[in-house]
């Protein structure tokens, strides 16, 4: 991987992380998580081995499922409470879905 691609990847990782941490709205948090996912994919598939391509495909599909759950959780919370703010997560089903989505994103025990 050439140095420019590494720089762009590292910058994208920092940008996605800072957007996710500093967001107050669910859509901005989701955008930050997606930037991180798209920045990590080239690093996983750097070696052109079939196992690396398979690993990057599995990683992408898993992260896409987690992002869908996160968006569904935020929509459910907005439906029941009328709030899109991250700090106003009040509905129990939304909390459960958000916890599941974050667990999948982090790769915690049942989802690793």
N, C-alpha and C. Protein backbone atom coordinates (compact mmCIF):
# COMPACT_ATOMS: atom_id res chain seq x y z
N UNK A 1 0.85 -1.17 0.00
CA UNK A 1 0.00 0.00 0.00
C UNK A 1 0.90 1.24 0.00
N UNK A 2 0.60 2.15 -0.89
CA UNK A 2 1.45 3.34 -1.00
C UNK A 2 1.19 4.31 0.16
N UNK A 3 2.11 5.21 0.42
CA UNK A 3 1.99 6.11 1.58
C UNK A 3 0.76 7.02 1.53
N UNK A 4 0.35 7.43 0.33
CA UNK A 4 -0.83 8.29 0.23
C UNK A 4 -2.09 7.56 0.65
N UNK A 5 -2.20 6.29 0.28
CA UNK A 5 -3.37 5.50 0.67
C UNK A 5 -3.39 5.27 2.18
N UNK A 6 -2.21 5.05 2.77
CA UNK A 6 -2.14 4.90 4.22
C UNK A 6 -2.55 6.18 4.93
N UNK A 7 -2.11 7.32 4.39
CA UNK A 7 -2.46 8.60 4.98
C UNK A 7 -3.96 8.86 4.91
N UNK A 8 -4.55 8.56 3.77
CA UNK A 8 -5.99 8.75 3.61
C UNK A 8 -6.75 7.82 4.54
N UNK A 9 -6.29 6.57 4.68
CA UNK A 9 -6.93 5.62 5.57
C UNK A 9 -6.85 6.08 7.02
N UNK A 10 -5.67 6.52 7.45
CA UNK A 10 -5.51 6.98 8.83
C UNK A 10 -6.33 8.24 9.09
N UNK A 11 -6.36 9.14 8.13
CA UNK A 11 -7.15 10.35 8.28
C UNK A 11 -8.64 10.03 8.36
N UNK A 12 -9.08 9.08 7.54
CA UNK A 12 -10.48 8.68 7.57
C UNK A 12 -10.84 8.02 8.90
N UNK A 13 -9.94 7.23 9.45
CA UNK A 13 -10.20 6.62 10.75
C UNK A 13 -10.32 7.68 11.84
N UNK A 14 -9.43 8.65 11.83
CA UNK A 14 -9.50 9.72 12.83
C UNK A 14 -10.74 10.58 12.64
N UNK A 15 -11.09 10.88 11.40
CA UNK A 15 -12.26 11.69 11.12
C UNK A 15 -13.53 10.96 11.55
N UNK A 16 -13.67 9.70 11.20
CA UNK A 16 -14.85 8.94 11.57
C UNK A 16 -15.01 8.80 13.08
N UNK A 17 -13.90 8.56 13.75
CA UNK A 17 -13.95 8.44 15.21
C UNK A 17 -14.33 9.76 15.86
N UNK A 18 -13.75 10.85 15.39
CA UNK A 18 -14.08 12.15 15.99
C UNK A 18 -15.52 12.56 15.70
N UNK A 19 -16.02 12.24 14.52
CA UNK A 19 -17.43 12.55 14.21
C UNK A 19 -18.35 11.74 15.12
N UNK A 20 -18.05 10.46 15.31
CA UNK A 20 -18.90 9.60 16.14
C UNK A 20 -18.90 10.07 17.59
N UNK A 21 -17.73 10.40 18.10
CA UNK A 21 -17.64 10.80 19.51
C UNK A 21 -18.32 12.14 19.76
N UNK A 22 -18.21 13.07 18.84
CA UNK A 22 -18.71 14.42 19.08
C UNK A 22 -20.15 14.65 18.60
N UNK A 23 -20.82 13.62 18.12
CA UNK A 23 -22.15 13.84 17.57
C UNK A 23 -23.23 13.85 18.65
N UNK A 24 -24.25 14.64 18.41
CA UNK A 24 -25.43 14.68 19.27
C UNK A 24 -26.65 14.10 18.58
N UNK A 25 -26.52 13.81 17.31
CA UNK A 25 -27.63 13.32 16.50
C UNK A 25 -27.28 11.92 16.01
N UNK A 26 -28.30 11.08 15.91
CA UNK A 26 -28.07 9.68 15.50
C UNK A 26 -27.48 9.57 14.10
N UNK A 27 -27.88 10.42 13.20
CA UNK A 27 -27.38 10.32 11.83
C UNK A 27 -25.88 10.64 11.75
N UNK A 28 -25.44 11.60 12.52
CA UNK A 28 -24.00 11.92 12.52
C UNK A 28 -23.19 10.79 13.14
N UNK A 29 -23.73 10.16 14.17
CA UNK A 29 -23.03 9.01 14.77
C UNK A 29 -22.96 7.88 13.75
N UNK A 30 -24.03 7.66 13.01
CA UNK A 30 -24.05 6.61 12.00
C UNK A 30 -23.06 6.92 10.87
N UNK A 31 -22.99 8.17 10.46
CA UNK A 31 -22.05 8.57 9.41
C UNK A 31 -20.61 8.32 9.86
N UNK A 32 -20.30 8.65 11.09
CA UNK A 32 -18.96 8.40 11.63
C UNK A 32 -18.62 6.92 11.66
N UNK A 33 -19.57 6.09 12.05
CA UNK A 33 -19.34 4.64 12.06
C UNK A 33 -19.13 4.10 10.65
N UNK A 34 -19.86 4.62 9.70
CA UNK A 34 -19.70 4.17 8.31
C UNK A 34 -18.36 4.61 7.73
N UNK A 35 -17.91 5.80 8.08
CA UNK A 35 -16.59 6.25 7.63
C UNK A 35 -15.52 5.32 8.18
N UNK A 36 -15.65 4.94 9.45
CA UNK A 36 -14.69 4.01 10.04
C UNK A 36 -14.72 2.66 9.34
N UNK A 37 -15.91 2.16 9.03
CA UNK A 37 -16.02 0.87 8.34
C UNK A 37 -15.35 0.93 6.98
N UNK A 38 -15.60 1.99 6.24
CA UNK A 38 -15.01 2.10 4.90
C UNK A 38 -13.51 2.37 4.94
N UNK A 39 -13.02 2.92 6.05
CA UNK A 39 -11.58 3.14 6.17
C UNK A 39 -10.84 1.86 6.54
N UNK A 40 -11.49 0.96 7.26
CA UNK A 40 -10.84 -0.27 7.70
C UNK A 40 -10.84 -1.33 6.60
N UNK A 41 -11.81 -1.32 5.72
CA UNK A 41 -11.90 -2.35 4.67
C UNK A 41 -10.66 -2.46 3.80
N UNK A 42 -10.06 -1.37 3.32
CA UNK A 42 -8.83 -1.53 2.53
C UNK A 42 -7.66 -2.09 3.33
N UNK A 43 -7.64 -1.80 4.62
CA UNK A 43 -6.57 -2.34 5.46
C UNK A 43 -6.71 -3.85 5.63
N UNK A 44 -7.95 -4.33 5.72
CA UNK A 44 -8.17 -5.77 5.87
C UNK A 44 -7.81 -6.50 4.58
N UNK A 45 -8.21 -5.95 3.45
CA UNK A 45 -7.98 -6.63 2.17
C UNK A 45 -6.70 -6.17 1.50
N UNK A 46 -5.73 -5.70 2.28
CA UNK A 46 -4.47 -5.20 1.71
C UNK A 46 -3.72 -6.29 0.95
N UNK A 47 -3.59 -7.46 1.55
CA UNK A 47 -2.97 -8.57 0.82
C UNK A 47 -4.03 -9.20 -0.08
N UNK A 48 -3.68 -9.44 -1.31
CA UNK A 48 -4.66 -9.95 -2.27
C UNK A 48 -4.75 -11.47 -2.18
N UNK A 49 -5.05 -11.93 -1.01
CA UNK A 49 -5.23 -13.36 -0.76
C UNK A 49 -6.73 -13.62 -0.65
N UNK A 50 -7.22 -14.76 -1.13
CA UNK A 50 -8.66 -15.02 -1.04
C UNK A 50 -9.21 -14.95 0.39
N UNK A 51 -8.41 -15.34 1.37
CA UNK A 51 -8.89 -15.26 2.76
C UNK A 51 -9.04 -13.80 3.22
N UNK A 52 -8.18 -12.92 2.74
CA UNK A 52 -8.30 -11.50 3.10
C UNK A 52 -9.55 -10.89 2.48
N UNK A 53 -9.83 -11.26 1.25
CA UNK A 53 -11.04 -10.77 0.59
C UNK A 53 -12.28 -11.31 1.29
N UNK A 54 -12.24 -12.58 1.67
CA UNK A 54 -13.36 -13.18 2.39
C UNK A 54 -13.55 -12.49 3.75
N UNK A 55 -12.47 -12.22 4.44
CA UNK A 55 -12.56 -11.55 5.75
C UNK A 55 -13.13 -10.14 5.60
N UNK A 56 -12.71 -9.42 4.58
CA UNK A 56 -13.23 -8.06 4.40
C UNK A 56 -14.71 -8.08 4.01
N UNK A 57 -15.13 -9.08 3.24
CA UNK A 57 -16.55 -9.20 2.89
C UNK A 57 -17.38 -9.52 4.12
N UNK A 58 -16.90 -10.44 4.95
CA UNK A 58 -17.62 -10.77 6.18
C UNK A 58 -17.67 -9.57 7.12
N UNK A 59 -16.58 -8.83 7.24
CA UNK A 59 -16.55 -7.65 8.08
C UNK A 59 -17.55 -6.62 7.58
N UNK A 60 -17.58 -6.40 6.27
CA UNK A 60 -18.50 -5.42 5.71
C UNK A 60 -19.95 -5.80 5.96
N UNK A 61 -20.29 -7.08 5.74
CA UNK A 61 -21.68 -7.51 5.94
C UNK A 61 -22.09 -7.41 7.40
N UNK A 62 -21.19 -7.77 8.30
CA UNK A 62 -21.50 -7.68 9.72
C UNK A 62 -21.69 -6.23 10.15
N UNK A 63 -20.83 -5.34 9.69
CA UNK A 63 -20.94 -3.93 10.05
C UNK A 63 -22.18 -3.29 9.41
N UNK A 64 -22.55 -3.75 8.22
CA UNK A 64 -23.77 -3.22 7.59
C UNK A 64 -25.00 -3.64 8.38
N UNK A 65 -25.02 -4.87 8.88
CA UNK A 65 -26.14 -5.33 9.70
C UNK A 65 -26.21 -4.53 11.01
N UNK A 66 -25.06 -4.27 11.61
CA UNK A 66 -25.04 -3.48 12.85
C UNK A 66 -25.49 -2.04 12.59
N UNK A 67 -25.10 -1.47 11.47
CA UNK A 67 -25.53 -0.11 11.14
C UNK A 67 -27.03 -0.05 10.91
N UNK A 68 -27.56 -1.08 10.28
CA UNK A 68 -29.01 -1.13 10.07
C UNK A 68 -29.75 -1.21 11.40
N UNK A 69 -29.23 -2.02 12.32
CA UNK A 69 -29.84 -2.10 13.64
C UNK A 69 -29.75 -0.76 14.38
N UNK A 70 -28.63 -0.07 14.24
CA UNK A 70 -28.48 1.22 14.89
C UNK A 70 -29.49 2.22 14.35
N UNK A 71 -29.66 2.26 13.04
CA UNK A 71 -30.64 3.17 12.44
C UNK A 71 -32.06 2.80 12.83
N UNK A 72 -32.34 1.49 12.89
CA UNK A 72 -33.67 1.05 13.30
C UNK A 72 -33.93 1.42 14.76
N UNK A 73 -32.91 1.31 15.59
CA UNK A 73 -33.05 1.70 17.00
C UNK A 73 -33.35 3.19 17.12
N UNK A 74 -32.65 4.01 16.36
CA UNK A 74 -32.89 5.45 16.43
C UNK A 74 -34.27 5.80 15.88
N UNK A 75 -34.71 5.11 14.83
CA UNK A 75 -36.05 5.36 14.30
C UNK A 75 -37.13 4.95 15.29
N UNK A 76 -36.92 3.82 15.95
CA UNK A 76 -37.88 3.36 16.94
C UNK A 76 -37.96 4.34 18.11
N UNK A 77 -36.82 4.83 18.54
CA UNK A 77 -36.82 5.82 19.62
C UNK A 77 -37.51 7.11 19.19
N UNK A 78 -37.26 7.54 17.97
CA UNK A 78 -37.91 8.75 17.46
C UNK A 78 -39.41 8.54 17.31
N UNK A 79 -39.81 7.33 16.96
CA UNK A 79 -41.23 7.03 16.80
C UNK A 79 -41.96 7.13 18.15
N UNK A 80 -41.35 6.55 19.19
CA UNK A 80 -42.03 6.51 20.48
C UNK A 80 -41.85 7.79 21.30
N UNK A 81 -40.70 8.44 21.20
CA UNK A 81 -40.47 9.61 22.05
C UNK A 81 -40.47 10.94 21.29
N UNK A 82 -40.32 10.91 19.99
CA UNK A 82 -40.29 12.13 19.20
C UNK A 82 -38.94 12.83 19.23
N UNK A 83 -37.91 12.19 19.75
CA UNK A 83 -36.58 12.78 19.88
C UNK A 83 -35.56 12.03 19.04
N UNK A 84 -34.74 12.76 18.31
CA UNK A 84 -33.63 12.16 17.56
C UNK A 84 -32.30 12.33 18.28
N UNK A 85 -32.34 12.96 19.44
CA UNK A 85 -31.13 13.23 20.20
C UNK A 85 -30.61 11.94 20.85
N UNK A 86 -29.29 11.78 20.86
CA UNK A 86 -28.68 10.57 21.41
C UNK A 86 -28.94 10.47 22.91
N UNK A 87 -28.96 11.57 23.59
CA UNK A 87 -29.13 11.53 25.05
C UNK A 87 -30.56 11.24 25.48
N UNK A 88 -31.50 11.25 24.56
CA UNK A 88 -32.90 11.03 24.91
C UNK A 88 -33.37 9.63 24.54
N UNK A 89 -32.55 8.63 24.78
CA UNK A 89 -32.91 7.24 24.50
C UNK A 89 -33.74 6.72 25.67
N UNK A 90 -35.06 6.70 25.52
CA UNK A 90 -35.93 6.39 26.65
C UNK A 90 -36.69 5.08 26.50
N UNK A 91 -36.96 4.66 25.28
CA UNK A 91 -37.77 3.46 25.09
C UNK A 91 -36.93 2.20 25.31
N UNK A 92 -37.45 1.21 26.05
CA UNK A 92 -36.64 0.01 26.34
C UNK A 92 -36.26 -0.81 25.11
N UNK A 93 -37.14 -0.90 24.13
CA UNK A 93 -36.81 -1.65 22.92
C UNK A 93 -35.69 -0.97 22.14
N UNK A 94 -35.72 0.35 22.11
CA UNK A 94 -34.65 1.09 21.45
C UNK A 94 -33.32 0.89 22.16
N UNK A 95 -33.35 0.87 23.49
CA UNK A 95 -32.12 0.63 24.26
C UNK A 95 -31.55 -0.75 23.97
N UNK A 96 -32.44 -1.75 23.90
CA UNK A 96 -31.99 -3.12 23.63
C UNK A 96 -31.39 -3.23 22.23
N UNK A 97 -32.05 -2.63 21.23
CA UNK A 97 -31.54 -2.68 19.86
C UNK A 97 -30.21 -1.92 19.73
N UNK A 98 -30.11 -0.78 20.41
CA UNK A 98 -28.85 -0.03 20.36
C UNK A 98 -27.71 -0.81 21.02
N UNK A 99 -28.00 -1.46 22.14
CA UNK A 99 -26.98 -2.26 22.80
C UNK A 99 -26.53 -3.41 21.91
N UNK A 100 -27.46 -4.04 21.22
CA UNK A 100 -27.12 -5.12 20.30
C UNK A 100 -26.29 -4.60 19.13
N UNK A 101 -26.66 -3.46 18.58
CA UNK A 101 -25.93 -2.88 17.45
C UNK A 101 -24.50 -2.51 17.85
N UNK A 102 -24.33 -1.90 19.00
CA UNK A 102 -23.00 -1.53 19.46
C UNK A 102 -22.17 -2.77 19.77
N UNK A 103 -22.82 -3.81 20.31
CA UNK A 103 -22.11 -5.06 20.58
C UNK A 103 -21.62 -5.71 19.30
N UNK A 104 -22.43 -5.66 18.27
CA UNK A 104 -22.00 -6.22 16.97
C UNK A 104 -20.87 -5.38 16.40
N UNK A 105 -20.97 -4.06 16.49
CA UNK A 105 -19.91 -3.19 15.99
C UNK A 105 -18.59 -3.44 16.70
N UNK A 106 -18.65 -3.66 18.00
CA UNK A 106 -17.44 -3.88 18.78
C UNK A 106 -16.94 -5.32 18.70
N UNK A 107 -17.79 -6.23 18.27
CA UNK A 107 -17.40 -7.64 18.19
C UNK A 107 -17.36 -8.30 19.54
N UNK A 108 -18.30 -7.98 20.41
CA UNK A 108 -18.34 -8.59 21.73
C UNK A 108 -18.70 -10.07 21.63
N UNK A 109 -18.64 -10.76 22.74
CA UNK A 109 -18.62 -12.23 22.78
C UNK A 109 -19.62 -12.96 21.90
N UNK A 110 -20.92 -12.74 21.96
CA UNK A 110 -21.73 -13.58 21.08
C UNK A 110 -21.62 -13.21 19.61
N UNK A 111 -21.05 -12.06 19.30
CA UNK A 111 -21.00 -11.57 17.92
C UNK A 111 -19.62 -11.61 17.30
N UNK A 112 -18.62 -12.18 17.96
CA UNK A 112 -17.27 -12.15 17.42
C UNK A 112 -17.06 -13.20 16.35
